[in-house]
Amino acid sequence: LIVLLIEVAVAIAAIAFKSDLQNALERQLQKSIERHNKADMTAWDTVHKKMMCCGVQGPKDWYDNNNKTMPASCCKPDLIDPETEDCKNAPPLFMDRYYQQGCLMELKEHFDKNAVVLIAVGFAIAAFQLLGVIFACWLSAAIKKDRN
């Protein structure tokens, strides 16, 4: 029962502090661009390719932080070979070469679209836990009755 109450409290807090969570996410994404390590780059490459976006707010995030280059995953594959230096080293003004939409907005839209599913799954888990608590109370009462 305590776990169930904690889950409800966390859900309420997440709703109440939604903008704070978005700001924290933006800061962490920006830090991952600045760190530029292999694990972060693998994650960014996946996000860029699947969501067709680039950087946190846009391709300028990469250009400003990483020796004036961008990852090949920011390059539009249908317009230019993503492995060519032409794409990776071109300034962000060459809009036709890069995904222009920042990934923060794409991620936000993705979560917003799937929020109903996440909420439904959360309620289903909470209902299952509540059912477990009810059965535990019923079992406890049955055992006490059997002892008497």
Foldseek 3Di string as FASTA:
>chain_A
DVVLVVLVVVVVVCVVCVVVVLVVVLVVQLVLLQVPDPVSVVVQLVLCQVLVAAGAAFPVSNCVRPVNFGQLSQFDVVPDPSPDVCLGNDHCVVVNGGRGGGSSVSVVVVCVVCVVVVVVVVVVVSVVVVVVVVVVVVVVVVVVVVVD
